[in-house]
Amino acid sequence: MAGSVICGETGSRVSSVLNRDVKLFGKKFLFDRNEETCWNSDQGSAQWVILEFPQSVKVTELLLQFQGGFTGRACRLEGGRKGADLVKITDFYPEDTNRLQRFSIQEVSIADKLKVIFEKSTDFFGRIVLYHLDVLGEKLL
């Protein structure tokens, strides 16, 4: 059964943080499971989140919860192994809603690094507000 592949040793980076205020809107809030905290990007397209896993993972599903009005409209998931370039895994198109959305990954995708790219936003200025990000799958030995 697939479970979260994100753990305490998973590294993360984001494209930007609103007004550089990491205390209120930083990347750590993507994974804290608190409905009152979020990562809020600054304006501009494209925004992105990079995840670096301590071991290879097989990715089966991506979970995202946006704030309506600040949703990624056209998105792409890329992945790769250590030392290799990232390659496109899939494109996906979230709904402009506050609810948790699930995106199944149809292709067999084994990666050490993932990049979620929000190419366009429903916000006029290109901002993304993301309350929850999770990657489901299997950790490989």
N, C-alpha and C. Protein backbone atom coordinates (compact mmCIF):
# COMPACT_ATOMS: atom_id res chain seq x y z
N MET A 1 0.84 -1.19 0.00
CA MET A 1 0.00 0.00 0.00
C MET A 1 0.88 1.25 0.00
N ALA A 2 0.49 2.21 -0.79
CA ALA A 2 1.27 3.45 -0.92
C ALA A 2 1.08 4.33 0.32
N GLY A 3 2.17 4.90 0.77
CA GLY A 3 2.15 5.84 1.89
C GLY A 3 2.97 7.05 1.52
N SER A 4 3.03 8.00 2.42
CA SER A 4 3.82 9.21 2.16
C SER A 4 5.29 8.84 2.08
N VAL A 5 5.98 9.38 1.08
CA VAL A 5 7.43 9.17 0.94
C VAL A 5 8.21 10.36 1.50
N ILE A 6 7.51 11.37 1.97
CA ILE A 6 8.16 12.53 2.57
C ILE A 6 8.45 12.22 4.03
N CYS A 7 9.68 12.45 4.44
CA CYS A 7 10.09 12.18 5.82
C CYS A 7 10.91 13.37 6.33
N GLY A 8 11.37 13.26 7.56
CA GLY A 8 12.15 14.34 8.17
C GLY A 8 13.44 14.66 7.44
N GLU A 9 13.99 13.68 6.72
CA GLU A 9 15.24 13.89 5.99
C GLU A 9 15.03 14.38 4.56
N THR A 10 13.77 14.53 4.15
CA THR A 10 13.48 15.02 2.80
C THR A 10 13.83 16.51 2.73
N GLY A 11 14.67 16.86 1.78
CA GLY A 11 15.03 18.26 1.57
C GLY A 11 13.99 18.94 0.69
N SER A 12 13.85 20.23 0.85
CA SER A 12 12.89 20.96 0.02
C SER A 12 13.40 22.37 -0.25
N ARG A 13 13.01 22.88 -1.42
CA ARG A 13 13.28 24.27 -1.81
C ARG A 13 12.05 24.78 -2.54
N VAL A 14 11.85 26.09 -2.49
CA VAL A 14 10.74 26.72 -3.20
C VAL A 14 11.28 27.88 -4.03
N SER A 15 10.51 28.24 -5.03
CA SER A 15 10.93 29.31 -5.94
C SER A 15 10.96 30.67 -5.27
N SER A 16 10.02 30.93 -4.37
CA SER A 16 9.94 32.23 -3.71
C SER A 16 9.03 32.12 -2.50
N VAL A 17 9.08 33.15 -1.65
CA VAL A 17 8.19 33.26 -0.49
C VAL A 17 7.69 34.69 -0.46
N LEU A 18 6.39 34.86 -0.24
CA LEU A 18 5.77 36.18 -0.24
C LEU A 18 6.53 37.13 0.68
N ASN A 19 6.99 38.24 0.13
CA ASN A 19 7.76 39.26 0.86
C ASN A 19 8.96 38.69 1.62
N ARG A 20 9.44 37.54 1.20
CA ARG A 20 10.57 36.84 1.85
C ARG A 20 10.30 36.55 3.33
N ASP A 21 9.04 36.46 3.70
CA ASP A 21 8.64 36.24 5.09
C ASP A 21 8.51 34.74 5.37
N VAL A 22 9.66 34.08 5.55
CA VAL A 22 9.66 32.62 5.76
C VAL A 22 9.04 32.22 7.10
N LYS A 23 9.00 33.13 8.06
CA LYS A 23 8.38 32.81 9.36
C LYS A 23 6.88 32.62 9.24
N LEU A 24 6.25 33.35 8.33
CA LEU A 24 4.80 33.24 8.15
C LEU A 24 4.40 32.36 6.96
N PHE A 25 5.23 32.33 5.90
CA PHE A 25 4.81 31.69 4.66
C PHE A 25 5.85 30.74 4.07
N GLY A 26 6.79 30.26 4.88
CA GLY A 26 7.89 29.44 4.38
C GLY A 26 7.51 28.03 3.97
N LYS A 27 8.45 27.36 3.34
CA LYS A 27 8.25 26.01 2.80
C LYS A 27 7.93 24.97 3.87
N LYS A 28 8.37 25.19 5.11
CA LYS A 28 8.12 24.22 6.18
C LYS A 28 6.63 23.99 6.41
N PHE A 29 5.80 24.97 6.05
CA PHE A 29 4.36 24.86 6.27
C PHE A 29 3.67 23.95 5.27
N LEU A 30 4.37 23.52 4.22
CA LEU A 30 3.80 22.57 3.27
C LEU A 30 3.58 21.20 3.91
N PHE A 31 4.37 20.89 4.93
CA PHE A 31 4.40 19.53 5.47
C PHE A 31 3.96 19.43 6.92
N ASP A 32 3.48 20.53 7.53
CA ASP A 32 3.17 20.51 8.96
C ASP A 32 1.76 20.01 9.29
N ARG A 33 0.95 19.76 8.29
CA ARG A 33 -0.42 19.24 8.45
C ARG A 33 -1.31 20.17 9.29
N ASN A 34 -0.98 21.46 9.31
CA ASN A 34 -1.77 22.45 10.03
C ASN A 34 -2.60 23.21 9.00
N GLU A 35 -3.91 23.20 9.16
CA GLU A 35 -4.80 23.86 8.20
C GLU A 35 -4.70 25.38 8.22
N GLU A 36 -4.00 25.94 9.20
CA GLU A 36 -3.91 27.39 9.32
C GLU A 36 -2.59 27.95 8.81
N THR A 37 -1.69 27.10 8.34
CA THR A 37 -0.40 27.57 7.83
C THR A 37 -0.25 27.15 6.37
N CYS A 38 0.57 27.90 5.63
CA CYS A 38 0.72 27.61 4.21
C CYS A 38 2.05 28.16 3.69
N TRP A 39 2.44 27.64 2.52
CA TRP A 39 3.50 28.28 1.75
C TRP A 39 2.79 29.24 0.81
N ASN A 40 3.25 30.48 0.80
CA ASN A 40 2.69 31.50 -0.08
C ASN A 40 3.84 32.02 -0.92
N SER A 41 3.76 31.80 -2.23
CA SER A 41 4.82 32.29 -3.11
C SER A 41 4.69 33.79 -3.31
N ASP A 42 5.76 34.38 -3.80
CA ASP A 42 5.69 35.76 -4.24
C ASP A 42 5.07 35.75 -5.63
N GLN A 43 4.93 36.91 -6.24
CA GLN A 43 4.31 36.97 -7.57
C GLN A 43 5.29 36.53 -8.65
N GLY A 44 4.73 36.17 -9.80
CA GLY A 44 5.53 35.77 -10.95
C GLY A 44 5.33 34.31 -11.31
N SER A 45 5.51 34.03 -12.57
CA SER A 45 5.39 32.64 -13.06
C SER A 45 6.73 32.24 -13.62
N ALA A 46 7.11 31.04 -13.52
CA ALA A 46 6.46 29.93 -12.86
C ALA A 46 7.01 29.77 -11.45
N GLN A 47 6.16 29.28 -10.56
CA GLN A 47 6.56 28.96 -9.19
C GLN A 47 6.81 27.46 -9.12
N TRP A 48 7.61 27.02 -8.14
CA TRP A 48 7.92 25.59 -8.05
C TRP A 48 8.31 25.18 -6.64
N VAL A 49 8.23 23.86 -6.41
CA VAL A 49 8.70 23.23 -5.18
C VAL A 49 9.57 22.05 -5.59
N ILE A 50 10.76 21.95 -5.00
CA ILE A 50 11.66 20.81 -5.25
C ILE A 50 11.76 19.98 -3.98
N LEU A 51 11.65 18.67 -4.14
CA LEU A 51 11.80 17.72 -3.04
C LEU A 51 12.98 16.81 -3.34
N GLU A 52 13.88 16.64 -2.38
CA GLU A 52 15.02 15.73 -2.53
C GLU A 52 14.93 14.68 -1.43
N PHE A 53 14.78 13.42 -1.85
CA PHE A 53 14.57 12.32 -0.92
C PHE A 53 15.89 11.69 -0.51
N PRO A 54 15.96 11.16 0.73
CA PRO A 54 17.19 10.52 1.19
C PRO A 54 17.43 9.17 0.51
N GLN A 55 16.41 8.63 -0.15
CA GLN A 55 16.53 7.37 -0.88
C GLN A 55 15.60 7.42 -2.07
N SER A 56 15.77 6.53 -3.01
CA SER A 56 14.91 6.50 -4.19
C SER A 56 13.48 6.15 -3.78
N VAL A 57 12.53 6.75 -4.49
CA VAL A 57 11.12 6.50 -4.23
C VAL A 57 10.40 6.18 -5.54
N LYS A 58 9.37 5.37 -5.43
CA LYS A 58 8.46 5.11 -6.55
C LYS A 58 7.22 5.94 -6.30
N VAL A 59 6.94 6.87 -7.18
CA VAL A 59 5.86 7.84 -7.00
C VAL A 59 4.59 7.33 -7.65
N THR A 60 3.48 7.33 -6.88
CA THR A 60 2.20 6.87 -7.43
C THR A 60 1.11 7.94 -7.38
N GLU A 61 1.26 8.93 -6.48
CA GLU A 61 0.20 9.93 -6.34
C GLU A 61 0.77 11.22 -5.75
N LEU A 62 0.18 12.33 -6.17
CA LEU A 62 0.55 13.65 -5.68
C LEU A 62 -0.69 14.27 -5.05
N LEU A 63 -0.55 14.79 -3.82
CA LEU A 63 -1.66 15.44 -3.11
C LEU A 63 -1.33 16.91 -2.90
N LEU A 64 -2.28 17.77 -3.25
CA LEU A 64 -2.10 19.21 -3.12
C LEU A 64 -3.38 19.85 -2.58
N GLN A 65 -3.21 20.82 -1.68
CA GLN A 65 -4.35 21.60 -1.21
C GLN A 65 -4.00 23.08 -1.32
N PHE A 66 -4.68 23.76 -2.22
CA PHE A 66 -4.45 25.17 -2.49
C PHE A 66 -5.46 26.03 -1.73
N GLN A 67 -5.23 27.33 -1.74
CA GLN A 67 -6.26 28.30 -1.39
C GLN A 67 -6.91 28.69 -2.69
N GLY A 68 -8.23 28.59 -2.76
CA GLY A 68 -8.95 28.99 -3.96
C GLY A 68 -8.59 30.42 -4.35
N GLY A 69 -8.39 30.64 -5.64
CA GLY A 69 -7.98 31.95 -6.13
C GLY A 69 -6.48 32.07 -6.28
N PHE A 70 -5.74 31.13 -5.69
CA PHE A 70 -4.27 31.11 -5.75
C PHE A 70 -3.79 29.70 -6.10
N THR A 71 -4.47 29.10 -7.05
CA THR A 71 -4.26 27.70 -7.43
C THR A 71 -3.38 27.62 -8.67
N GLY A 72 -2.56 26.59 -8.72
CA GLY A 72 -1.85 26.31 -9.96
C GLY A 72 -2.84 25.86 -11.01
N ARG A 73 -2.81 26.49 -12.18
CA ARG A 73 -3.77 26.16 -13.23
C ARG A 73 -3.20 25.12 -14.19
N ALA A 74 -1.99 25.34 -14.65
CA ALA A 74 -1.29 24.39 -15.52
C ALA A 74 -0.02 24.00 -14.77
N CYS A 75 0.10 22.72 -14.44
CA CYS A 75 1.21 22.27 -13.59
C CYS A 75 1.93 21.09 -14.24
N ARG A 76 3.16 20.88 -13.79
CA ARG A 76 3.97 19.78 -14.33
C ARG A 76 4.75 19.15 -13.19
N LEU A 77 4.87 17.83 -13.23
CA LEU A 77 5.71 17.11 -12.28
C LEU A 77 6.90 16.56 -13.03
N GLU A 78 8.09 16.87 -12.52
CA GLU A 78 9.34 16.36 -13.09
C GLU A 78 10.05 15.55 -12.03
N GLY A 79 10.87 14.60 -12.47
CA GLY A 79 11.62 13.78 -11.53
C GLY A 79 12.91 13.30 -12.13
N GLY A 80 13.80 12.82 -11.27
CA GLY A 80 15.07 12.31 -11.75
C GLY A 80 15.84 11.60 -10.66
N ARG A 81 16.88 10.91 -11.10
CA ARG A 81 17.77 10.20 -10.19
C ARG A 81 18.92 11.13 -9.81
N LYS A 82 19.67 10.77 -8.80
CA LYS A 82 20.82 11.58 -8.37
C LYS A 82 21.80 11.76 -9.53
N GLY A 83 22.22 12.98 -9.76
CA GLY A 83 23.19 13.27 -10.79
C GLY A 83 22.64 13.34 -12.21
N ALA A 84 21.35 13.06 -12.38
CA ALA A 84 20.75 13.09 -13.71
C ALA A 84 19.83 14.31 -13.83
N ASP A 85 19.57 14.71 -15.07
CA ASP A 85 18.65 15.81 -15.31
C ASP A 85 17.22 15.39 -14.98
N LEU A 86 16.40 16.35 -14.61
CA LEU A 86 15.00 16.08 -14.37
C LEU A 86 14.28 15.90 -15.70
N VAL A 87 13.31 15.00 -15.74
CA VAL A 87 12.51 14.76 -16.93
C VAL A 87 11.03 14.88 -16.56
N LYS A 88 10.22 15.26 -17.52
CA LYS A 88 8.79 15.41 -17.27
C LYS A 88 8.17 14.05 -16.99
N ILE A 89 7.42 13.99 -15.89
CA ILE A 89 6.66 12.78 -15.56
C ILE A 89 5.23 12.93 -16.06
N THR A 90 4.60 14.06 -15.74
CA THR A 90 3.22 14.27 -16.17
C THR A 90 2.84 15.75 -16.06
N ASP A 91 1.84 16.15 -16.81
CA ASP A 91 1.18 17.44 -16.65
C ASP A 91 -0.10 17.19 -15.87
N PHE A 92 -0.53 18.15 -15.07
CA PHE A 92 -1.81 18.02 -14.37
C PHE A 92 -2.43 19.39 -14.21
N TYR A 93 -3.75 19.39 -14.01
CA TYR A 93 -4.51 20.62 -14.03
C TYR A 93 -5.47 20.68 -12.84
N PRO A 94 -5.02 21.28 -11.73
CA PRO A 94 -5.87 21.35 -10.53
C PRO A 94 -7.10 22.23 -10.74
N GLU A 95 -8.12 21.95 -9.93
CA GLU A 95 -9.31 22.80 -9.90
C GLU A 95 -9.04 23.97 -8.96
N ASP A 96 -9.69 25.10 -9.21
CA ASP A 96 -9.54 26.28 -8.37
C ASP A 96 -10.47 26.13 -7.16
N THR A 97 -9.99 25.38 -6.17
CA THR A 97 -10.79 25.06 -5.00
C THR A 97 -9.89 24.93 -3.77
N ASN A 98 -10.52 24.95 -2.59
CA ASN A 98 -9.78 24.81 -1.33
C ASN A 98 -9.58 23.35 -0.92
N ARG A 99 -10.26 22.43 -1.55
CA ARG A 99 -10.21 21.05 -1.07
C ARG A 99 -8.93 20.33 -1.51
N LEU A 100 -8.58 19.27 -0.79
CA LEU A 100 -7.42 18.45 -1.11
C LEU A 100 -7.66 17.76 -2.45
N GLN A 101 -6.68 17.85 -3.35
CA GLN A 101 -6.80 17.24 -4.67
C GLN A 101 -5.73 16.16 -4.83
N ARG A 102 -6.12 15.06 -5.50
CA ARG A 102 -5.23 13.91 -5.71
C ARG A 102 -4.99 13.74 -7.20
N PHE A 103 -3.73 13.51 -7.54
CA PHE A 103 -3.36 13.30 -8.94
C PHE A 103 -2.57 12.00 -9.02
N SER A 104 -3.15 11.02 -9.71
CA SER A 104 -2.49 9.72 -9.88
C SER A 104 -1.38 9.84 -10.91
N ILE A 105 -0.27 9.18 -10.63
CA ILE A 105 0.85 9.14 -11.57
C ILE A 105 0.78 7.81 -12.30
N GLN A 106 0.47 7.86 -13.57
CA GLN A 106 0.24 6.64 -14.34
C GLN A 106 1.54 5.94 -14.74
N GLU A 107 2.57 6.72 -15.08
CA GLU A 107 3.83 6.15 -15.50
C GLU A 107 4.60 5.64 -14.29
N VAL A 108 5.38 4.57 -14.47
CA VAL A 108 6.26 4.12 -13.39
C VAL A 108 7.34 5.18 -13.23
N SER A 109 7.38 5.81 -12.06
CA SER A 109 8.28 6.93 -11.82
C SER A 109 9.12 6.66 -10.58
N ILE A 110 10.40 6.38 -10.79
CA ILE A 110 11.34 6.20 -9.69
C ILE A 110 12.27 7.40 -9.70
N ALA A 111 12.38 8.05 -8.55
CA ALA A 111 13.15 9.30 -8.49
C ALA A 111 13.79 9.48 -7.13
N ASP A 112 14.84 10.29 -7.11
CA ASP A 112 15.46 10.75 -5.88
C ASP A 112 15.10 12.22 -5.65
N LYS A 113 14.59 12.85 -6.70
CA LYS A 113 14.31 14.28 -6.67
C LYS A 113 13.06 14.53 -7.51
N LEU A 114 12.14 15.36 -6.99
CA LEU A 114 10.93 15.75 -7.71
C LEU A 114 10.83 17.27 -7.74
N LYS A 115 10.26 17.76 -8.82
CA LYS A 115 9.99 19.19 -8.94
C LYS A 115 8.55 19.36 -9.39
N VAL A 116 7.77 20.06 -8.57
CA VAL A 116 6.39 20.39 -8.90
C VAL A 116 6.41 21.83 -9.41
N ILE A 117 6.01 22.00 -10.67
CA ILE A 117 6.07 23.32 -11.30
C ILE A 117 4.66 23.84 -11.54
N PHE A 118 4.41 25.05 -11.04
CA PHE A 118 3.13 25.72 -11.24
C PHE A 118 3.35 26.76 -12.34
N GLU A 119 3.13 26.34 -13.59
CA GLU A 119 3.43 27.20 -14.74
C GLU A 119 2.52 28.40 -14.82
N LYS A 120 1.25 28.22 -14.46
CA LYS A 120 0.27 29.31 -14.47
C LYS A 120 -0.53 29.23 -13.18
N SER A 121 -1.04 30.37 -12.75
CA SER A 121 -1.82 30.45 -11.53
C SER A 121 -3.17 31.08 -11.82
N THR A 122 -4.17 30.78 -10.98
CA THR A 122 -5.46 31.45 -11.12
C THR A 122 -5.39 32.88 -10.59
N ASP A 123 -4.33 33.21 -9.87
CA ASP A 123 -4.10 34.56 -9.38
C ASP A 123 -3.50 35.41 -10.50
N PHE A 124 -4.00 36.60 -10.68
CA PHE A 124 -3.54 37.50 -11.74
C PHE A 124 -2.03 37.76 -11.66
N PHE A 125 -1.48 37.78 -10.45
CA PHE A 125 -0.06 38.08 -10.27
C PHE A 125 0.83 36.84 -10.25
N GLY A 126 0.23 35.66 -10.38
CA GLY A 126 1.01 34.43 -10.44
C GLY A 126 1.36 33.82 -9.11
N ARG A 127 0.73 34.31 -8.03
CA ARG A 127 1.03 33.76 -6.70
C ARG A 127 0.36 32.40 -6.51
N ILE A 128 1.01 31.55 -5.70
CA ILE A 128 0.49 30.24 -5.33
C ILE A 128 0.38 30.21 -3.80
N VAL A 129 -0.75 29.73 -3.28
CA VAL A 129 -0.91 29.50 -1.85
C VAL A 129 -1.23 28.03 -1.68
N LEU A 130 -0.32 27.31 -1.02
CA LEU A 130 -0.42 25.87 -0.90
C LEU A 130 -0.36 25.48 0.58
N TYR A 131 -1.46 24.85 1.05
CA TYR A 131 -1.56 24.46 2.46
C TYR A 131 -0.98 23.07 2.72
N HIS A 132 -1.00 22.22 1.72
CA HIS A 132 -0.55 20.84 1.94
C HIS A 132 0.03 20.28 0.65
N LEU A 133 1.16 19.61 0.78
CA LEU A 133 1.80 18.90 -0.33
C LEU A 133 2.26 17.56 0.20
N ASP A 134 1.91 16.49 -0.50
CA ASP A 134 2.38 15.17 -0.12
C ASP A 134 2.60 14.35 -1.39
N VAL A 135 3.52 13.42 -1.30
CA VAL A 135 3.82 12.50 -2.38
C VAL A 135 3.62 11.11 -1.83
N LEU A 136 2.75 10.34 -2.49
CA LEU A 136 2.51 8.97 -2.06
C LEU A 136 3.24 8.01 -2.98
N GLY A 137 3.63 6.89 -2.41
CA GLY A 137 4.33 5.88 -3.18
C GLY A 137 5.03 4.92 -2.26
N GLU A 138 6.21 4.45 -2.69
CA GLU A 138 7.00 3.50 -1.92
C GLU A 138 8.43 3.97 -1.84
N LYS A 139 9.03 3.77 -0.66
CA LYS A 139 10.47 4.02 -0.51
C LYS A 139 11.20 2.77 -0.97
N LEU A 140 12.22 2.93 -1.79
CA LEU A 140 12.97 1.80 -2.31
C LEU A 140 14.27 1.65 -1.55
N LEU A 141 14.74 0.45 -1.43
CA LEU A 141 16.01 0.19 -0.72
C LEU A 141 17.20 0.36 -1.60
